[in-house]
Amino acid sequence: MSDFDLDLRAVEDHLEDEEAEGEMAGSIRLGVLDGTTPSREWHDAVMSGNVLVLDVQGDVNELAAGFARDVREDDGELVHFRGFLIVAPPGIEIDTSDL
């Protein structure tokens, strides 16, 4: 067998660095969409990497009007499903293929 130089520690360090770069900083936030929370707060929460699951208490089009367009323009996604509005940041796809 021929000798070759393989530094496994360097490889592990490189992989750990790549994994850290790909991590999302966010969570799933549950809330109520009833008009009491400012639209900017919902938009900022999504753009910070959070997925929102909002219980819609009224007309979804009216209640989400203040942030839905901005989220879409910033490449986020919105889906109204069974009384809830799911709002995802850019890079997180809401898969509706099973609906």
PDB file of N, CA and C in Angstrom:
ATOM      1  N   MET A   1       0.834  -1.174   0.000  1.00  0.00           N
ATOM      2  CA  MET A   1       0.000   0.000   0.000  1.00  0.00           C
ATOM      3  C   MET A   1       0.881   1.240   0.000  1.00  0.00           C
ATOM      4  N   SER A   2       0.434   2.214  -0.751  1.00  0.00           N
ATOM      5  CA  SER A   2       1.191   3.460  -0.800  1.00  0.00           C
ATOM      6  C   SER A   2       0.785   4.360   0.357  1.00  0.00           C
ATOM      7  N   ASP A   3       1.716   5.181   0.771  1.00  0.00           N
ATOM      8  CA  ASP A   3       1.443   6.134   1.847  1.00  0.00           C
ATOM      9  C   ASP A   3       0.793   7.383   1.267  1.00  0.00           C
ATOM     10  N   PHE A   4      -0.195   7.891   1.945  1.00  0.00           N
ATOM     11  CA  PHE A   4      -0.773   9.163   1.554  1.00  0.00           C
ATOM     12  C   PHE A   4      -1.118   9.934   2.817  1.00  0.00           C
ATOM     13  N   ASP A   5      -1.165  11.239   2.679  1.00  0.00           N
ATOM     14  CA  ASP A   5      -1.379  12.119   3.817  1.00  0.00           C
ATOM     15  C   ASP A   5      -2.848  12.510   3.894  1.00  0.00           C
ATOM     16  N   LEU A   6      -3.527  12.016   4.899  1.00  0.00           N
ATOM     17  CA  LEU A   6      -4.941  12.343   5.085  1.00  0.00           C
ATOM     18  C   LEU A   6      -5.113  12.875   6.503  1.00  0.00           C
ATOM     19  N   ASP A   7      -5.456  14.128   6.602  1.00  0.00           N
ATOM     20  CA  ASP A   7      -5.643  14.783   7.893  1.00  0.00           C
ATOM     21  C   ASP A   7      -7.129  14.786   8.226  1.00  0.00           C
ATOM     22  N   LEU A   8      -7.575  13.784   8.966  1.00  0.00           N
ATOM     23  CA  LEU A   8      -8.996  13.659   9.294  1.00  0.00           C
ATOM     24  C   LEU A   8      -9.493  14.806  10.174  1.00  0.00           C
ATOM     25  N   ARG A   9      -8.640  15.332  11.027  1.00  0.00           N
ATOM     26  CA  ARG A   9      -9.068  16.462  11.867  1.00  0.00           C
ATOM     27  C   ARG A   9      -9.410  17.677  11.000  1.00  0.00           C
ATOM     28  N   ALA A  10      -8.610  17.931   9.996  1.00  0.00           N
ATOM     29  CA  ALA A  10      -8.874  19.074   9.112  1.00  0.00           C
ATOM     30  C   ALA A  10     -10.180  18.867   8.353  1.00  0.00           C
ATOM     31  N   VAL A  11     -10.423  17.635   7.926  1.00  0.00           N
ATOM     32  CA  VAL A  11     -11.662  17.327   7.217  1.00  0.00           C
ATOM     33  C   VAL A  11     -12.858  17.532   8.146  1.00  0.00           C
ATOM     34  N   GLU A  12     -12.782  17.032   9.388  1.00  0.00           N
ATOM     35  CA  GLU A  12     -13.877  17.208  10.348  1.00  0.00           C
ATOM     36  C   GLU A  12     -14.125  18.684  10.634  1.00  0.00           C
ATOM     37  N   ASP A  13     -13.056  19.452  10.816  1.00  0.00           N
ATOM     38  CA  ASP A  13     -13.207  20.891  11.053  1.00  0.00           C
ATOM     39  C   ASP A  13     -13.899  21.564   9.887  1.00  0.00           C
ATOM     40  N   HIS A  14     -13.524  21.187   8.683  1.00  0.00           N
ATOM     41  CA  HIS A  14     -14.129  21.770   7.480  1.00  0.00           C
ATOM     42  C   HIS A  14     -15.620  21.427   7.409  1.00  0.00           C
ATOM     43  N   LEU A  15     -15.962  20.190   7.694  1.00  0.00           N
ATOM     44  CA  LEU A  15     -17.367  19.776   7.668  1.00  0.00           C
ATOM     45  C   LEU A  15     -18.177  20.506   8.734  1.00  0.00           C
ATOM     46  N   GLU A  16     -17.620  20.659   9.927  1.00  0.00           N
ATOM     47  CA  GLU A  16     -18.326  21.367  10.989  1.00  0.00           C
ATOM     48  C   GLU A  16     -18.563  22.820  10.602  1.00  0.00           C
ATOM     49  N   ASP A  17     -17.580  23.456   9.946  1.00  0.00           N
ATOM     50  CA  ASP A  17     -17.744  24.837   9.503  1.00  0.00           C
ATOM     51  C   ASP A  17     -18.866  24.949   8.482  1.00  0.00           C
ATOM     52  N   GLU A  18     -18.927  24.014   7.533  1.00  0.00           N
ATOM     53  CA  GLU A  18     -19.974  24.032   6.512  1.00  0.00           C
ATOM     54  C   GLU A  18     -21.346  23.802   7.131  1.00  0.00           C
ATOM     55  N   GLU A  19     -21.431  22.893   8.103  1.00  0.00           N
ATOM     56  CA  GLU A  19     -22.707  22.629   8.764  1.00  0.00           C
ATOM     57  C   GLU A  19     -23.189  23.867   9.507  1.00  0.00           C
ATOM     58  N   ALA A  20     -22.291  24.556  10.179  1.00  0.00           N
ATOM     59  CA  ALA A  20     -22.672  25.751  10.927  1.00  0.00           C
ATOM     60  C   ALA A  20     -23.175  26.847   9.996  1.00  0.00           C
ATOM     61  N   GLU A  21     -22.565  26.979   8.816  1.00  0.00           N
ATOM     62  CA  GLU A  21     -23.004  27.989   7.857  1.00  0.00           C
ATOM     63  C   GLU A  21     -24.399  27.709   7.347  1.00  0.00           C
ATOM     64  N   GLY A  22     -24.792  26.439   7.253  1.00  0.00           N
ATOM     65  CA  GLY A  22     -26.083  26.070   6.701  1.00  0.00           C
ATOM     66  C   GLY A  22     -27.218  26.060   7.713  1.00  0.00           C
ATOM     67  N   GLU A  23     -26.915  26.291   8.992  1.00  0.00           N
ATOM     68  CA  GLU A  23     -27.947  26.244  10.023  1.00  0.00           C
ATOM     69  C   GLU A  23     -28.861  27.458   9.945  1.00  0.00           C
ATOM     70  N   MET A  24     -30.126  27.222  10.168  1.00  0.00           N
ATOM     71  CA  MET A  24     -31.103  28.309  10.223  1.00  0.00           C
ATOM     72  C   MET A  24     -31.245  28.718  11.684  1.00  0.00           C
ATOM     73  N   ALA A  25     -31.346  29.993  11.904  1.00  0.00           N
ATOM     74  CA  ALA A  25     -31.584  30.498  13.251  1.00  0.00           C
ATOM     75  C   ALA A  25     -33.039  30.921  13.317  1.00  0.00           C
ATOM     76  N   GLY A  26     -33.871  30.081  13.824  1.00  0.00           N
ATOM     77  CA  GLY A  26     -35.283  30.408  13.901  1.00  0.00           C
ATOM     78  C   GLY A  26     -36.036  29.305  14.603  1.00  0.00           C
ATOM     79  N   SER A  27     -37.335  29.500  14.678  1.00  0.00           N
ATOM     80  CA  SER A  27     -38.175  28.516  15.335  1.00  0.00           C
ATOM     81  C   SER A  27     -39.566  28.566  14.709  1.00  0.00           C
ATOM     82  N   ILE A  28     -40.428  27.736  15.210  1.00  0.00           N
ATOM     83  CA  ILE A  28     -41.830  27.779  14.800  1.00  0.00           C
ATOM     84  C   ILE A  28     -42.568  28.568  15.869  1.00  0.00           C
ATOM     85  N   ARG A  29     -43.196  29.652  15.451  1.00  0.00           N
ATOM     86  CA  ARG A  29     -43.915  30.514  16.389  1.00  0.00           C
ATOM     87  C   ARG A  29     -45.410  30.362  16.180  1.00  0.00           C
ATOM     88  N   LEU A  30     -46.112  30.102  17.253  1.00  0.00           N
ATOM     89  CA  LEU A  30     -47.565  30.006  17.221  1.00  0.00           C
ATOM     90  C   LEU A  30     -48.136  31.340  17.677  1.00  0.00           C
ATOM     91  N   GLY A  31     -49.205  31.763  17.005  1.00  0.00           N
ATOM     92  CA  GLY A  31     -49.813  33.032  17.378  1.00  0.00           C
ATOM     93  C   GLY A  31     -51.239  33.130  16.890  1.00  0.00           C
ATOM     94  N   VAL A  32     -51.844  34.249  17.194  1.00  0.00           N
ATOM     95  CA  VAL A  32     -53.215  34.520  16.781  1.00  0.00           C
ATOM     96  C   VAL A  32     -53.190  35.747  15.880  1.00  0.00           C
ATOM     97  N   LEU A  33     -53.761  35.609  14.702  1.00  0.00           N
ATOM     98  CA  LEU A  33     -53.873  36.721  13.764  1.00  0.00           C
ATOM     99  C   LEU A  33     -55.266  37.319  13.931  1.00  0.00           C
ATOM    100  N   ASP A  34     -55.331  38.375  14.737  1.00  0.00           N
ATOM    101  CA  ASP A  34     -56.619  39.004  15.025  1.00  0.00           C
ATOM    102  C   ASP A  34     -56.568  40.524  14.896  1.00  0.00           C
ATOM    103  N   GLY A  35     -55.451  41.031  14.407  1.00  0.00           N
ATOM    104  CA  GLY A  35     -55.319  42.464  14.217  1.00  0.00           C
ATOM    105  C   GLY A  35     -54.678  43.198  15.372  1.00  0.00           C
ATOM    106  N   THR A  36     -54.407  42.515  16.473  1.00  0.00           N
ATOM    107  CA  THR A  36     -53.821  43.197  17.628  1.00  0.00           C
ATOM    108  C   THR A  36     -52.297  43.291  17.549  1.00  0.00           C
ATOM    109  N   THR A  37     -51.649  42.386  16.813  1.00  0.00           N
ATOM    110  CA  THR A  37     -50.193  42.416  16.656  1.00  0.00           C
ATOM    111  C   THR A  37     -49.852  43.231  15.421  1.00  0.00           C
ATOM    112  N   PRO A  38     -48.933  44.181  15.551  1.00  0.00           N
ATOM    113  CA  PRO A  38     -48.566  45.000  14.388  1.00  0.00           C
ATOM    114  C   PRO A  38     -48.011  44.150  13.238  1.00  0.00           C
ATOM    115  N   SER A  39     -48.397  44.496  12.019  1.00  0.00           N
ATOM    116  CA  SER A  39     -47.949  43.756  10.831  1.00  0.00           C
ATOM    117  C   SER A  39     -46.437  43.699  10.743  1.00  0.00           C
ATOM    118  N   ARG A  40     -45.764  44.771  11.109  1.00  0.00           N
ATOM    119  CA  ARG A  40     -44.295  44.821  11.055  1.00  0.00           C
ATOM    120  C   ARG A  40     -43.684  43.741  11.941  1.00  0.00           C
ATOM    121  N   GLU A  41     -44.323  43.471  13.089  1.00  0.00           N
ATOM    122  CA  GLU A  41     -43.811  42.440  13.998  1.00  0.00           C
ATOM    123  C   GLU A  41     -43.867  41.056  13.353  1.00  0.00           C
ATOM    124  N   TRP A  42     -44.974  40.751  12.654  1.00  0.00           N
ATOM    125  CA  TRP A  42     -45.081  39.464  11.959  1.00  0.00           C
ATOM    126  C   TRP A  42     -44.027  39.377  10.858  1.00  0.00           C
ATOM    127  N   HIS A  43     -43.893  40.433  10.077  1.00  0.00           N
ATOM    128  CA  HIS A  43     -42.920  40.442   8.980  1.00  0.00           C
ATOM    129  C   HIS A  43     -41.505  40.258   9.526  1.00  0.00           C
ATOM    130  N   ASP A  44     -41.149  41.000  10.555  1.00  0.00           N
ATOM    131  CA  ASP A  44     -39.806  40.895  11.132  1.00  0.00           C
ATOM    132  C   ASP A  44     -39.537  39.507  11.700  1.00  0.00           C
ATOM    133  N   ALA A  45     -40.544  38.900  12.310  1.00  0.00           N
ATOM    134  CA  ALA A  45     -40.380  37.549  12.862  1.00  0.00           C
ATOM    135  C   ALA A  45     -40.061  36.547  11.756  1.00  0.00           C
ATOM    136  N   VAL A  46     -40.763  36.676  10.630  1.00  0.00           N
ATOM    137  CA  VAL A  46     -40.529  35.753   9.511  1.00  0.00           C
ATOM    138  C   VAL A  46     -39.157  36.000   8.894  1.00  0.00           C
ATOM    139  N   MET A  47     -38.804  37.244   8.692  1.00  0.00           N
ATOM    140  CA  MET A  47     -37.515  37.565   8.064  1.00  0.00           C
ATOM    141  C   MET A  47     -36.339  37.245   8.982  1.00  0.00           C
ATOM    142  N   SER A  48     -36.617  36.980  10.255  1.00  0.00           N
ATOM    143  CA  SER A  48     -35.569  36.544  11.188  1.00  0.00           C
ATOM    144  C   SER A  48     -35.387  35.033  11.159  1.00  0.00           C
ATOM    145  N   GLY A  49     -36.155  34.350  10.286  1.00  0.00           N
ATOM    146  CA  GLY A  49     -35.996  32.904  10.134  1.00  0.00           C
ATOM    147  C   GLY A  49     -37.055  32.074  10.803  1.00  0.00           C
ATOM    148  N   ASN A  50     -38.067  32.704  11.359  1.00  0.00           N
ATOM    149  CA  ASN A  50     -39.128  31.969  12.041  1.00  0.00           C
ATOM    150  C   ASN A  50     -40.245  31.573  11.078  1.00  0.00           C
ATOM    151  N   VAL A  51     -40.845  30.427  11.337  1.00  0.00           N
ATOM    152  CA  VAL A  51     -42.060  30.012  10.640  1.00  0.00           C
ATOM    153  C   VAL A  51     -43.213  30.343  11.578  1.00  0.00           C
ATOM    154  N   LEU A  52     -44.214  31.046  11.053  1.00  0.00           N
ATOM    155  CA  LEU A  52     -45.379  31.417  11.851  1.00  0.00           C
ATOM    156  C   LEU A  52     -46.541  30.488  11.550  1.00  0.00           C
ATOM    157  N   VAL A  53     -47.223  30.057  12.575  1.00  0.00           N
ATOM    158  CA  VAL A  53     -48.480  29.324  12.447  1.00  0.00           C
ATOM    159  C   VAL A  53     -49.492  30.150  13.220  1.00  0.00           C
ATOM    160  N   LEU A  54     -50.333  30.871  12.463  1.00  0.00           N
ATOM    161  CA  LEU A  54     -51.234  31.850  13.060  1.00  0.00           C
ATOM    162  C   LEU A  54     -52.683  31.394  12.958  1.00  0.00           C
ATOM    163  N   ASP A  55     -53.370  31.368  14.085  1.00  0.00           N
ATOM    164  CA  ASP A  55     -54.798  31.069  14.129  1.00  0.00           C
ATOM    165  C   ASP A  55     -55.530  32.322  13.664  1.00  0.00           C
ATOM    166  N   VAL A  56     -56.215  32.232  12.536  1.00  0.00           N
ATOM    167  CA  VAL A  56     -56.866  33.396  11.931  1.00  0.00           C
ATOM    168  C   VAL A  56     -58.220  33.630  12.593  1.00  0.00           C
ATOM    169  N   GLN A  57     -58.373  34.815  13.186  1.00  0.00           N
ATOM    170  CA  GLN A  57     -59.607  35.197  13.869  1.00  0.00           C
ATOM    171  C   GLN A  57     -60.287  36.316  13.091  1.00  0.00           C
ATOM    172  N   GLY A  58     -60.822  35.981  11.919  1.00  0.00           N
ATOM    173  CA  GLY A  58     -61.479  36.967  11.067  1.00  0.00           C
ATOM    174  C   GLY A  58     -61.135  36.714   9.609  1.00  0.00           C
ATOM    175  N   ASP A  59     -61.183  37.750   8.811  1.00  0.00           N
ATOM    176  CA  ASP A  59     -60.906  37.666   7.384  1.00  0.00           C
ATOM    177  C   ASP A  59     -59.395  37.651   7.152  1.00  0.00           C
ATOM    178  N   VAL A  60     -58.898  36.523   6.664  1.00  0.00           N
ATOM    179  CA  VAL A  60     -57.449  36.368   6.501  1.00  0.00           C
ATOM    180  C   VAL A  60     -56.863  37.414   5.561  1.00  0.00           C
ATOM    181  N   ASN A  61     -57.590  37.751   4.493  1.00  0.00           N
ATOM    182  CA  ASN A  61     -57.075  38.740   3.542  1.00  0.00           C
ATOM    183  C   ASN A  61     -56.924  40.114   4.186  1.00  0.00           C
ATOM    184  N   GLU A  62     -57.895  40.473   4.980  1.00  0.00           N
ATOM    185  CA  GLU A  62     -57.854  41.766   5.669  1.00  0.00           C
ATOM    186  C   GLU A  62     -56.778  41.782   6.754  1.00  0.00           C
ATOM    187  N   LEU A  63     -56.709  40.717   7.541  1.00  0.00           N
ATOM    188  CA  LEU A  63     -55.782  40.674   8.669  1.00  0.00           C
ATOM    189  C   LEU A  63     -54.318  40.548   8.244  1.00  0.00           C
ATOM    190  N   ALA A  64     -54.073  39.874   7.129  1.00  0.00           N
ATOM    191  CA  ALA A  64     -52.690  39.670   6.669  1.00  0.00           C
ATOM    192  C   ALA A  64     -52.242  40.714   5.657  1.00  0.00           C
ATOM    193  N   ALA A  65     -53.136  41.615   5.291  1.00  0.00           N
ATOM    194  CA  ALA A  65     -52.823  42.601   4.242  1.00  0.00           C
ATOM    195  C   ALA A  65     -51.596  43.443   4.565  1.00  0.00           C
ATOM    196  N   GLY A  66     -51.350  43.699   5.827  1.00  0.00           N
ATOM    197  CA  GLY A  66     -50.243  44.563   6.203  1.00  0.00           C
ATOM    198  C   GLY A  66     -48.864  43.941   6.096  1.00  0.00           C
ATOM    199  N   PHE A  67     -48.777  42.598   5.959  1.00  0.00           N
ATOM    200  CA  PHE A  67     -47.461  41.965   5.874  1.00  0.00           C
ATOM    201  C   PHE A  67     -47.327  40.905   4.783  1.00  0.00           C
ATOM    202  N   ALA A  68     -48.428  40.400   4.266  1.00  0.00           N
ATOM    203  CA  ALA A  68     -48.372  39.296   3.295  1.00  0.00           C
ATOM    204  C   ALA A  68     -47.613  39.679   2.023  1.00  0.00           C
ATOM    205  N   ARG A  69     -47.908  40.820   1.471  1.00  0.00           N
ATOM    206  CA  ARG A  69     -47.240  41.252   0.238  1.00  0.00           C
ATOM    207  C   ARG A  69     -45.732  41.412   0.461  1.00  0.00           C
ATOM    208  N   ASP A  70     -45.359  42.015   1.594  1.00  0.00           N
ATOM    209  CA  ASP A  70     -43.939  42.203   1.894  1.00  0.00           C
ATOM    210  C   ASP A  70     -43.219  40.863   2.053  1.00  0.00           C
ATOM    211  N   VAL A  71     -43.871  39.917   2.716  1.00  0.00           N
ATOM    212  CA  VAL A  71     -43.268  38.585   2.882  1.00  0.00           C
ATOM    213  C   VAL A  71     -43.049  37.934   1.524  1.00  0.00           C
ATOM    214  N   ARG A  72     -44.057  37.991   0.654  1.00  0.00           N
ATOM    215  CA  ARG A  72     -43.920  37.404  -0.686  1.00  0.00           C
ATOM    216  C   ARG A  72     -42.843  38.112  -1.491  1.00  0.00           C
ATOM    217  N   GLU A  73     -42.792  39.438  -1.416  1.00  0.00           N
ATOM    218  CA  GLU A  73     -41.770  40.189  -2.150  1.00  0.00           C
ATOM    219  C   GLU A  73     -40.369  39.861  -1.652  1.00  0.00           C
ATOM    220  N   ASP A  74     -40.262  39.478  -0.388  1.00  0.00           N
ATOM    221  CA  ASP A  74     -38.972  39.087   0.194  1.00  0.00           C
ATOM    222  C   ASP A  74     -38.716  37.590   0.046  1.00  0.00           C
ATOM    223  N   ASP A  75     -39.471  36.921  -0.856  1.00  0.00           N
ATOM    224  CA  ASP A  75     -39.323  35.497  -1.175  1.00  0.00           C
ATOM    225  C   ASP A  75     -39.778  34.541  -0.079  1.00  0.00           C
ATOM    226  N   GLY A  76     -40.630  35.007   0.826  1.00  0.00           N
ATOM    227  CA  GLY A  76     -41.235  34.115   1.798  1.00  0.00           C
ATOM    228  C   GLY A  76     -42.483  33.477   1.204  1.00  0.00           C
ATOM    229  N   GLU A  77     -43.097  32.584   1.968  1.00  0.00           N
ATOM    230  CA  GLU A  77     -44.305  31.893   1.490  1.00  0.00           C
ATOM    231  C   GLU A  77     -45.416  31.992   2.523  1.00  0.00           C
ATOM    232  N   LEU A  78     -46.650  32.023   2.025  1.00  0.00           N
ATOM    233  CA  LEU A  78     -47.830  32.028   2.885  1.00  0.00           C
ATOM    234  C   LEU A  78     -48.822  31.003   2.373  1.00  0.00           C
ATOM    235  N   VAL A  79     -49.435  30.266   3.293  1.00  0.00           N
ATOM    236  CA  VAL A  79     -50.479  29.304   2.940  1.00  0.00           C
ATOM    237  C   VAL A  79     -51.568  29.386   4.000  1.00  0.00           C
ATOM    238  N   HIS A  80     -52.810  29.537   3.548  1.00  0.00           N
ATOM    239  CA  HIS A  80     -53.965  29.509   4.457  1.00  0.00           C
ATOM    240  C   HIS A  80     -54.505  28.092   4.438  1.00  0.00           C
ATOM    241  N   PHE A  81     -54.521  27.443   5.594  1.00  0.00           N
ATOM    242  CA  PHE A  81     -54.932  26.039   5.677  1.00  0.00           C
ATOM    243  C   PHE A  81     -55.757  25.819   6.945  1.00  0.00           C
ATOM    244  N   ARG A  82     -57.017  25.439   6.757  1.00  0.00           N
ATOM    245  CA  ARG A  82     -57.916  25.072   7.852  1.00  0.00           C
ATOM    246  C   ARG A  82     -57.950  26.085   8.990  1.00  0.00           C
ATOM    247  N   GLY A  83     -58.070  27.340   8.632  1.00  0.00           N
ATOM    248  CA  GLY A  83     -58.188  28.376   9.646  1.00  0.00           C
ATOM    249  C   GLY A  83     -56.867  28.902  10.176  1.00  0.00           C
ATOM    250  N   PHE A  84     -55.772  28.393   9.643  1.00  0.00           N
ATOM    251  CA  PHE A  84     -54.451  28.853  10.061  1.00  0.00           C
ATOM    252  C   PHE A  84     -53.720  29.465   8.882  1.00  0.00           C
ATOM    253  N   LEU A  85     -52.920  30.462   9.153  1.00  0.00           N
ATOM    254  CA  LEU A  85     -52.040  31.029   8.153  1.00  0.00           C
ATOM    255  C   LEU A  85     -50.631  30.601   8.511  1.00  0.00           C
ATOM    256  N   ILE A  86     -49.988  29.870   7.600  1.00  0.00           N
ATOM    257  CA  ILE A  86     -48.607  29.439   7.783  1.00  0.00           C
ATOM    258  C   ILE A  86     -47.748  30.377   6.959  1.00  0.00           C
ATOM    259  N   VAL A  87     -46.755  30.975   7.590  1.00  0.00           N
ATOM    260  CA  VAL A  87     -45.896  31.952   6.940  1.00  0.00           C
ATOM    261  C   VAL A  87     -44.455  31.487   7.127  1.00  0.00           C
ATOM    262  N   ALA A  88     -43.741  31.303   6.016  1.00  0.00           N
ATOM    263  CA  ALA A  88     -42.375  30.791   6.072  1.00  0.00           C
ATOM    264  C   ALA A  88     -41.398  31.802   5.479  1.00  0.00           C
ATOM    265  N   PRO A  89     -40.201  31.844   6.030  1.00  0.00           N
ATOM    266  CA  PRO A  89     -39.185  32.771   5.525  1.00  0.00           C
ATOM    267  C   PRO A  89     -38.582  32.267   4.215  1.00  0.00           C
ATOM    268  N   PRO A  90     -37.812  33.105   3.538  1.00  0.00           N
ATOM    269  CA  PRO A  90     -37.126  32.663   2.326  1.00  0.00           C
ATOM    270  C   PRO A  90     -36.280  31.420   2.626  1.00  0.00           C
ATOM    271  N   GLY A  91     -36.310  30.476   1.712  1.00  0.00           N
ATOM    272  CA  GLY A  91     -35.519  29.252   1.873  1.00  0.00           C
ATOM    273  C   GLY A  91     -36.262  28.111   2.536  1.00  0.00           C
ATOM    274  N   ILE A  92     -37.434  28.371   3.082  1.00  0.00           N
ATOM    275  CA  ILE A  92     -38.259  27.325   3.690  1.00  0.00           C
ATOM    276  C   ILE A  92     -39.498  27.175   2.823  1.00  0.00           C
ATOM    277  N   GLU A  93     -39.635  26.010   2.205  1.00  0.00           N
ATOM    278  CA  GLU A  93     -40.772  25.757   1.326  1.00  0.00           C
ATOM    279  C   GLU A  93     -41.920  25.160   2.121  1.00  0.00           C
ATOM    280  N   ILE A  94     -43.123  25.636   1.865  1.00  0.00           N
ATOM    281  CA  ILE A  94     -44.319  25.032   2.439  1.00  0.00           C
ATOM    282  C   ILE A  94     -44.831  24.054   1.389  1.00  0.00           C
ATOM    283  N   ASP A  95     -44.704  22.767   1.671  1.00  0.00           N
ATOM    284  CA  ASP A  95     -45.075  21.718   0.725  1.00  0.00           C
ATOM    285  C   ASP A  95     -46.565  21.406   0.873  1.00  0.00           C
ATOM    286  N   THR A  96     -47.341  21.735  -0.137  1.00  0.00           N
ATOM    287  CA  THR A  96     -48.783  21.485  -0.114  1.00  0.00           C
ATOM    288  C   THR A  96     -49.178  20.337  -1.036  1.00  0.00           C
ATOM    289  N   SER A  97     -48.210  19.556  -1.465  1.00  0.00           N
ATOM    290  CA  SER A  97     -48.488  18.516  -2.446  1.00  0.00           C
ATOM    291  C   SER A  97     -49.408  17.407  -1.922  1.00  0.00           C
ATOM    292  N   ASP A  98     -49.481  17.231  -0.622  1.00  0.00           N
ATOM    293  CA  ASP A  98     -50.341  16.183  -0.055  1.00  0.00           C
ATOM    294  C   ASP A  98     -51.755  16.659   0.261  1.00  0.00           C
ATOM    295  N   LEU A  99     -52.036  17.918  -0.023  1.00  0.00           N
ATOM    296  CA  LEU A  99     -53.375  18.449   0.285  1.00  0.00           C
ATOM    297  C   LEU A  99     -54.354  18.150  -0.824  1.00  0.00           C
TER     298      LEU A  99
END
